[in-house]
Amino acid sequence: ATTLSKKLINDREKSSPFECGFDPKSSARMPFSIRFFLIAVIFLIFDVEIALILPIVIIFKTSDIMIWTLSTMFFILVLLRGLYHEWNQGALQWAE
């Protein structure tokens, strides 16, 4: 039974590496837009900053209202200034 098994028969598909649907003979470098990369990095930066805002809400109950307001406003101003800078640099424009 093992001599007739398909596991022992070697063919082209079995000897080639598994490539998840990609052609193994094609170029390894796939060109992609640098604009897409910049938008993705900006999204990740602002996503992390939003995740840093969440603990500020929890601290609200235990901290002084004036210190909490000043620190929150400072943090949001830094976020807005970064967004304004990226906007002026043209990094948020997908098409020119």
N, C-alpha and C. Protein backbone atom coordinates (compact mmCIF):
# COMPACT_ATOMS: atom_id res chain seq x y z
N ALA A 1 0.82 -1.19 0.00
CA ALA A 1 0.00 0.00 0.00
C ALA A 1 0.86 1.25 0.00
N THR A 2 2.01 1.19 0.68
CA THR A 2 2.86 2.38 0.71
C THR A 2 3.54 2.63 -0.62
N THR A 3 3.72 1.61 -1.42
CA THR A 3 4.34 1.81 -2.73
C THR A 3 3.40 2.52 -3.69
N LEU A 4 2.11 2.42 -3.46
CA LEU A 4 1.14 3.08 -4.31
C LEU A 4 0.69 4.43 -3.73
N SER A 5 1.21 4.77 -2.57
CA SER A 5 0.80 6.01 -1.91
C SER A 5 1.29 7.23 -2.68
N LYS A 6 0.48 8.27 -2.69
CA LYS A 6 0.85 9.50 -3.39
C LYS A 6 1.90 10.29 -2.61
N LYS A 7 2.11 9.95 -1.34
CA LYS A 7 3.11 10.65 -0.55
C LYS A 7 4.52 10.38 -1.06
N LEU A 8 4.74 9.24 -1.65
CA LEU A 8 6.07 8.87 -2.10
C LEU A 8 6.37 9.35 -3.51
N ILE A 9 5.37 9.74 -4.26
CA ILE A 9 5.58 10.19 -5.63
C ILE A 9 6.03 11.65 -5.60
N ASN A 10 7.22 11.91 -6.14
CA ASN A 10 7.73 13.28 -6.19
C ASN A 10 7.35 13.91 -7.52
N ASP A 11 6.80 15.10 -7.44
CA ASP A 11 6.50 15.84 -8.65
C ASP A 11 6.92 17.29 -8.44
N ARG A 12 6.68 18.13 -9.44
CA ARG A 12 7.15 19.51 -9.40
C ARG A 12 6.52 20.30 -8.25
N GLU A 13 5.24 20.10 -7.97
CA GLU A 13 4.57 20.85 -6.92
C GLU A 13 5.09 20.49 -5.54
N LYS A 14 5.41 19.23 -5.34
CA LYS A 14 5.90 18.80 -4.03
C LYS A 14 7.34 19.24 -3.77
N SER A 15 8.13 19.38 -4.81
CA SER A 15 9.53 19.76 -4.62
C SER A 15 9.73 21.28 -4.56
N SER A 16 8.71 22.06 -4.93
CA SER A 16 8.85 23.51 -4.87
C SER A 16 8.40 24.00 -3.49
N PRO A 17 9.00 25.10 -2.99
CA PRO A 17 8.61 25.61 -1.67
C PRO A 17 7.22 26.23 -1.71
N PHE A 18 6.57 26.20 -0.56
CA PHE A 18 5.23 26.78 -0.44
C PHE A 18 5.35 28.29 -0.37
N GLU A 19 4.69 29.01 -1.24
CA GLU A 19 4.86 30.46 -1.34
C GLU A 19 3.58 31.24 -1.11
N CYS A 20 2.58 30.67 -0.53
CA CYS A 20 1.34 31.38 -0.20
C CYS A 20 0.69 32.04 -1.41
N GLY A 21 0.73 31.43 -2.55
CA GLY A 21 0.08 31.98 -3.73
C GLY A 21 0.95 32.89 -4.56
N PHE A 22 2.14 33.23 -4.11
CA PHE A 22 3.03 34.08 -4.88
C PHE A 22 3.86 33.24 -5.83
N ASP A 23 4.17 33.81 -6.96
CA ASP A 23 5.02 33.14 -7.93
C ASP A 23 6.46 33.16 -7.42
N PRO A 24 7.07 32.00 -7.15
CA PRO A 24 8.43 32.00 -6.59
C PRO A 24 9.48 32.49 -7.58
N LYS A 25 9.16 32.56 -8.84
CA LYS A 25 10.13 33.00 -9.84
C LYS A 25 10.09 34.51 -10.07
N SER A 26 9.12 35.20 -9.47
CA SER A 26 9.01 36.64 -9.68
C SER A 26 9.99 37.39 -8.78
N SER A 27 10.09 38.68 -8.99
CA SER A 27 10.98 39.52 -8.20
C SER A 27 10.54 39.55 -6.74
N ALA A 28 11.51 39.56 -5.84
CA ALA A 28 11.19 39.57 -4.41
C ALA A 28 10.70 40.94 -3.97
N ARG A 29 11.12 41.97 -4.64
CA ARG A 29 10.72 43.34 -4.27
C ARG A 29 9.46 43.73 -5.02
N MET A 30 8.43 44.03 -4.26
CA MET A 30 7.17 44.48 -4.85
C MET A 30 7.12 46.01 -4.71
N PRO A 31 6.96 46.74 -5.79
CA PRO A 31 6.90 48.19 -5.66
C PRO A 31 5.60 48.64 -5.01
N PHE A 32 5.69 49.56 -4.05
CA PHE A 32 4.49 50.16 -3.49
C PHE A 32 4.75 51.63 -3.25
N SER A 33 3.69 52.35 -3.11
CA SER A 33 3.74 53.81 -3.05
C SER A 33 4.36 54.29 -1.74
N ILE A 34 5.28 55.23 -1.85
CA ILE A 34 5.87 55.83 -0.66
C ILE A 34 4.84 56.69 0.07
N ARG A 35 3.88 57.23 -0.67
CA ARG A 35 2.79 57.99 -0.05
C ARG A 35 1.98 57.09 0.88
N PHE A 36 1.70 55.87 0.42
CA PHE A 36 0.97 54.93 1.26
C PHE A 36 1.75 54.64 2.53
N PHE A 37 3.06 54.46 2.41
CA PHE A 37 3.89 54.20 3.58
C PHE A 37 3.84 55.37 4.56
N LEU A 38 3.93 56.60 4.06
CA LEU A 38 3.89 57.77 4.94
C LEU A 38 2.54 57.89 5.64
N ILE A 39 1.46 57.68 4.91
CA ILE A 39 0.14 57.73 5.53
C ILE A 39 0.01 56.65 6.60
N ALA A 40 0.54 55.47 6.33
CA ALA A 40 0.47 54.37 7.31
C ALA A 40 1.26 54.70 8.56
N VAL A 41 2.44 55.29 8.41
CA VAL A 41 3.26 55.66 9.57
C VAL A 41 2.58 56.76 10.37
N ILE A 42 2.02 57.76 9.70
CA ILE A 42 1.31 58.83 10.40
C ILE A 42 0.11 58.26 11.14
N PHE A 43 -0.61 57.34 10.51
CA PHE A 43 -1.75 56.70 11.18
C PHE A 43 -1.29 55.97 12.43
N LEU A 44 -0.19 55.23 12.35
CA LEU A 44 0.29 54.49 13.51
C LEU A 44 0.72 55.43 14.63
N ILE A 45 1.37 56.54 14.28
CA ILE A 45 1.79 57.50 15.30
C ILE A 45 0.58 58.09 16.01
N PHE A 46 -0.42 58.52 15.25
CA PHE A 46 -1.60 59.09 15.88
C PHE A 46 -2.42 58.03 16.61
N ASP A 47 -2.38 56.80 16.16
CA ASP A 47 -3.07 55.72 16.86
C ASP A 47 -2.44 55.48 18.23
N VAL A 48 -1.12 55.49 18.30
CA VAL A 48 -0.44 55.33 19.59
C VAL A 48 -0.73 56.52 20.49
N GLU A 49 -0.78 57.71 19.93
CA GLU A 49 -1.08 58.89 20.74
C GLU A 49 -2.50 58.84 21.29
N ILE A 50 -3.44 58.35 20.51
CA ILE A 50 -4.81 58.18 21.01
C ILE A 50 -4.84 57.14 22.13
N ALA A 51 -4.05 56.09 21.99
CA ALA A 51 -3.97 55.08 23.06
C ALA A 51 -3.38 55.68 24.33
N LEU A 52 -2.52 56.69 24.19
CA LEU A 52 -1.96 57.36 25.36
C LEU A 52 -2.96 58.31 26.01
N ILE A 53 -3.97 58.75 25.27
CA ILE A 53 -5.00 59.62 25.85
C ILE A 53 -5.92 58.85 26.78
N LEU A 54 -6.14 57.58 26.53
CA LEU A 54 -7.08 56.79 27.33
C LEU A 54 -6.76 56.79 28.83
N PRO A 55 -5.51 56.66 29.27
CA PRO A 55 -5.25 56.72 30.71
C PRO A 55 -5.54 58.09 31.33
N ILE A 56 -5.54 59.14 30.52
CA ILE A 56 -5.84 60.47 31.05
C ILE A 56 -7.24 60.51 31.62
N VAL A 57 -8.17 59.81 30.99
CA VAL A 57 -9.55 59.76 31.48
C VAL A 57 -9.61 59.05 32.83
N ILE A 58 -8.82 58.02 33.00
CA ILE A 58 -8.81 57.28 34.27
C ILE A 58 -8.19 58.13 35.37
N ILE A 59 -7.17 58.90 35.05
CA ILE A 59 -6.49 59.74 36.04
C ILE A 59 -7.39 60.90 36.48
N PHE A 60 -8.37 61.24 35.68
CA PHE A 60 -9.25 62.37 35.98
C PHE A 60 -9.86 62.27 37.38
N LYS A 61 -10.24 61.07 37.82
CA LYS A 61 -10.89 60.90 39.11
C LYS A 61 -9.96 61.17 40.29
N THR A 62 -8.67 60.90 40.12
CA THR A 62 -7.75 60.98 41.25
C THR A 62 -6.86 62.21 41.25
N SER A 63 -6.84 63.00 40.20
CA SER A 63 -5.92 64.14 40.16
C SER A 63 -6.67 65.46 40.32
N ASP A 64 -5.88 66.49 40.51
CA ASP A 64 -6.40 67.86 40.63
C ASP A 64 -6.94 68.29 39.26
N ILE A 65 -8.09 68.95 39.26
CA ILE A 65 -8.75 69.31 38.00
C ILE A 65 -7.91 70.28 37.17
N MET A 66 -7.20 71.20 37.83
CA MET A 66 -6.40 72.18 37.10
C MET A 66 -5.19 71.50 36.44
N ILE A 67 -4.51 70.65 37.17
CA ILE A 67 -3.36 69.94 36.60
C ILE A 67 -3.81 69.01 35.48
N TRP A 68 -4.93 68.33 35.68
CA TRP A 68 -5.45 67.43 34.66
C TRP A 68 -5.80 68.21 33.39
N THR A 69 -6.46 69.36 33.55
CA THR A 69 -6.85 70.16 32.39
C THR A 69 -5.63 70.68 31.64
N LEU A 70 -4.64 71.18 32.37
CA LEU A 70 -3.44 71.70 31.71
C LEU A 70 -2.66 70.60 30.99
N SER A 71 -2.51 69.45 31.62
CA SER A 71 -1.76 68.37 30.97
C SER A 71 -2.51 67.83 29.76
N THR A 72 -3.83 67.73 29.86
CA THR A 72 -4.62 67.26 28.72
C THR A 72 -4.57 68.25 27.57
N MET A 73 -4.71 69.52 27.87
CA MET A 73 -4.64 70.54 26.82
C MET A 73 -3.26 70.57 26.16
N PHE A 74 -2.20 70.41 26.96
CA PHE A 74 -0.85 70.37 26.40
C PHE A 74 -0.69 69.19 25.46
N PHE A 75 -1.17 68.03 25.88
CA PHE A 75 -1.05 66.83 25.06
C PHE A 75 -1.83 66.98 23.75
N ILE A 76 -3.03 67.52 23.83
CA ILE A 76 -3.84 67.71 22.63
C ILE A 76 -3.22 68.77 21.72
N LEU A 77 -2.62 69.81 22.30
CA LEU A 77 -1.94 70.82 21.49
C LEU A 77 -0.74 70.22 20.75
N VAL A 78 -0.01 69.33 21.40
CA VAL A 78 1.10 68.65 20.72
C VAL A 78 0.58 67.81 19.56
N LEU A 79 -0.53 67.12 19.78
CA LEU A 79 -1.13 66.33 18.69
C LEU A 79 -1.56 67.22 17.53
N LEU A 80 -2.23 68.31 17.85
CA LEU A 80 -2.70 69.21 16.79
C LEU A 80 -1.55 69.88 16.05
N ARG A 81 -0.50 70.21 16.78
CA ARG A 81 0.66 70.82 16.13
C ARG A 81 1.33 69.82 15.17
N GLY A 82 1.42 68.57 15.59
CA GLY A 82 1.97 67.54 14.71
C GLY A 82 1.11 67.34 13.47
N LEU A 83 -0.20 67.35 13.65
CA LEU A 83 -1.11 67.22 12.51
C LEU A 83 -0.98 68.41 11.57
N TYR A 84 -0.89 69.61 12.13
CA TYR A 84 -0.72 70.82 11.33
C TYR A 84 0.59 70.77 10.55
N HIS A 85 1.66 70.31 11.18
CA HIS A 85 2.96 70.21 10.51
C HIS A 85 2.90 69.21 9.35
N GLU A 86 2.29 68.05 9.58
CA GLU A 86 2.16 67.06 8.51
C GLU A 86 1.30 67.60 7.37
N TRP A 87 0.28 68.34 7.70
CA TRP A 87 -0.59 68.93 6.69
C TRP A 87 0.18 69.95 5.84
N ASN A 88 0.97 70.81 6.51
CA ASN A 88 1.75 71.81 5.77
C ASN A 88 2.85 71.18 4.92
N GLN A 89 3.41 70.06 5.35
CA GLN A 89 4.45 69.39 4.59
C GLN A 89 3.87 68.64 3.39
N GLY A 90 2.55 68.47 3.36
CA GLY A 90 1.91 67.79 2.24
C GLY A 90 1.88 66.28 2.39
N ALA A 91 2.17 65.78 3.58
CA ALA A 91 2.19 64.32 3.78
C ALA A 91 0.79 63.73 3.79
N LEU A 92 -0.22 64.54 4.00
CA LEU A 92 -1.59 64.03 4.06
C LEU A 92 -2.29 64.08 2.71
N GLN A 93 -1.63 64.59 1.69
CA GLN A 93 -2.23 64.64 0.36
C GLN A 93 -1.94 63.33 -0.36
N TRP A 94 -2.98 62.59 -0.66
CA TRP A 94 -2.80 61.29 -1.30
C TRP A 94 -2.40 61.46 -2.77
N ALA A 95 -3.06 62.35 -3.47
CA ALA A 95 -2.76 62.57 -4.89
C ALA A 95 -2.39 64.03 -5.09
N GLU A 96 -1.46 64.23 -6.00
CA GLU A 96 -1.02 65.61 -6.27
C GLU A 96 -1.63 66.13 -7.54
